[in-house]
């Protein structure tokens, strides 16, 4: 994971914690009243995850790198070198 990826996923968690804090800081507000219920908290978490999952591919297409993906592993036996010792001349 890159440093930008740590910042991005940290931002996602920060948004979730800020939203959940509203339930105890301002329980009389509309969002606080929604987040005090289990389904309201789950709905908020899903909404944040869905929003971030739509923004992330947009940023990846613009060149941001959040995580490196390893390439395919090549067997050492399957080398691409051309064998020259056992070839008979034509």
Protein backbone atom coordinates (compact mmCIF):
# COMPACT_ATOMS: atom_id res chain seq x y z
CA UNK A 1 0.00 0.00 0.00
CA UNK A 2 1.29 3.44 -0.84
CA UNK A 3 1.29 6.49 1.41
CA UNK A 4 -1.58 7.92 -0.60
CA UNK A 5 -3.52 4.71 -0.02
CA UNK A 6 -2.99 4.97 3.73
CA UNK A 7 -4.25 8.57 3.62
CA UNK A 8 -7.27 7.60 1.49
CA UNK A 9 -8.36 4.72 3.72
CA UNK A 10 -7.58 6.80 6.80
CA UNK A 11 -9.91 9.49 5.42
CA UNK A 12 -12.65 6.87 4.99
CA UNK A 13 -12.27 5.77 8.61
CA UNK A 14 -12.14 9.40 9.79
CA UNK A 15 -15.44 10.15 8.01
CA UNK A 16 -17.02 7.08 9.61
CA UNK A 17 -15.82 8.03 13.10
CA UNK A 18 -17.00 11.63 12.67
CA UNK A 19 -20.41 10.43 11.59
CA UNK A 20 -20.68 8.01 14.49
CA UNK A 21 -19.58 10.73 16.90
CA UNK A 22 -22.61 12.80 15.90
CA UNK A 23 -24.78 10.18 17.60
CA UNK A 24 -23.28 11.06 20.98
CA UNK A 25 -22.38 14.73 20.42
CA UNK A 26 -25.70 15.85 18.92
CA UNK A 27 -28.27 13.07 19.46
CA UNK A 28 -31.17 15.53 18.94
CA UNK A 29 -30.11 16.28 15.34
CA UNK A 30 -31.54 14.31 12.44
CA UNK A 31 -28.26 12.51 11.69
CA UNK A 32 -27.65 11.83 15.39
CA UNK A 33 -31.12 10.34 15.75
CA UNK A 34 -30.56 8.14 12.70
CA UNK A 35 -27.14 6.95 13.85
CA UNK A 36 -28.40 5.97 17.30
CA UNK A 37 -30.23 3.03 15.75
CA UNK A 38 -28.42 -0.06 14.49
CA UNK A 39 -29.90 0.11 11.01
CA UNK A 40 -29.19 3.83 10.77
CA UNK A 41 -25.54 3.27 11.68
CA UNK A 42 -25.26 0.42 9.17
CA UNK A 43 -26.92 2.55 6.51
CA UNK A 44 -24.49 5.40 7.18
CA UNK A 45 -21.49 3.05 7.01
CA UNK A 46 -22.74 1.53 3.74
CA UNK A 47 -23.39 4.99 2.30
CA UNK A 48 -19.86 6.13 3.08
CA UNK A 49 -18.37 2.92 1.66
CA UNK A 50 -20.43 3.17 -1.51
CA UNK A 51 -19.53 6.83 -2.01
CA UNK A 52 -15.82 6.13 -1.51
CA UNK A 53 -15.95 3.11 -3.82
CA UNK A 54 -17.35 5.34 -6.58
CA UNK A 55 -14.73 8.04 -6.05
CA UNK A 56 -11.73 5.68 -5.86
CA UNK A 57 -11.89 4.32 -9.45
CA UNK A 58 -12.34 7.89 -10.69
CA UNK A 59 -9.11 8.86 -8.93
CA UNK A 60 -7.28 5.72 -10.10
CA UNK A 61 -8.14 6.61 -13.72
CA UNK A 62 -6.62 10.04 -13.09
CA UNK A 63 -3.30 8.43 -12.07
CA UNK A 64 -3.51 8.12 -8.30
CA UNK A 65 -1.96 4.90 -6.95
CA UNK A 66 -3.46 3.63 -3.69
CA UNK A 67 -1.98 0.12 -3.66
CA UNK A 68 0.47 -1.87 -5.71
CA UNK A 69 -0.78 -5.16 -7.09
CA UNK A 70 1.81 -7.90 -7.53
CA UNK A 71 2.26 -9.24 -11.03
CA UNK A 72 2.00 -12.90 -12.01
CA UNK A 73 4.70 -15.18 -10.65
CA UNK A 74 6.82 -16.83 -13.33
CA UNK A 75 8.24 -20.29 -12.79
CA UNK A 76 12.02 -20.41 -13.11
CA UNK A 77 11.65 -23.61 -15.19
CA UNK A 78 9.54 -21.80 -17.78
CA UNK A 79 12.26 -19.47 -18.98
CA UNK A 80 11.92 -17.69 -22.28
CA UNK A 81 15.53 -18.31 -23.28
CA UNK A 82 16.16 -20.21 -26.51
CA UNK A 83 17.99 -23.51 -26.07
CA UNK A 84 21.15 -23.66 -28.22
CA UNK A 85 23.05 -26.74 -27.02
CA UNK A 86 20.77 -29.57 -28.16
CA UNK A 87 19.82 -28.11 -31.51
CA UNK A 88 21.09 -30.02 -34.56
CA UNK A 89 22.24 -27.93 -37.50
CA UNK A 90 19.92 -28.03 -40.47
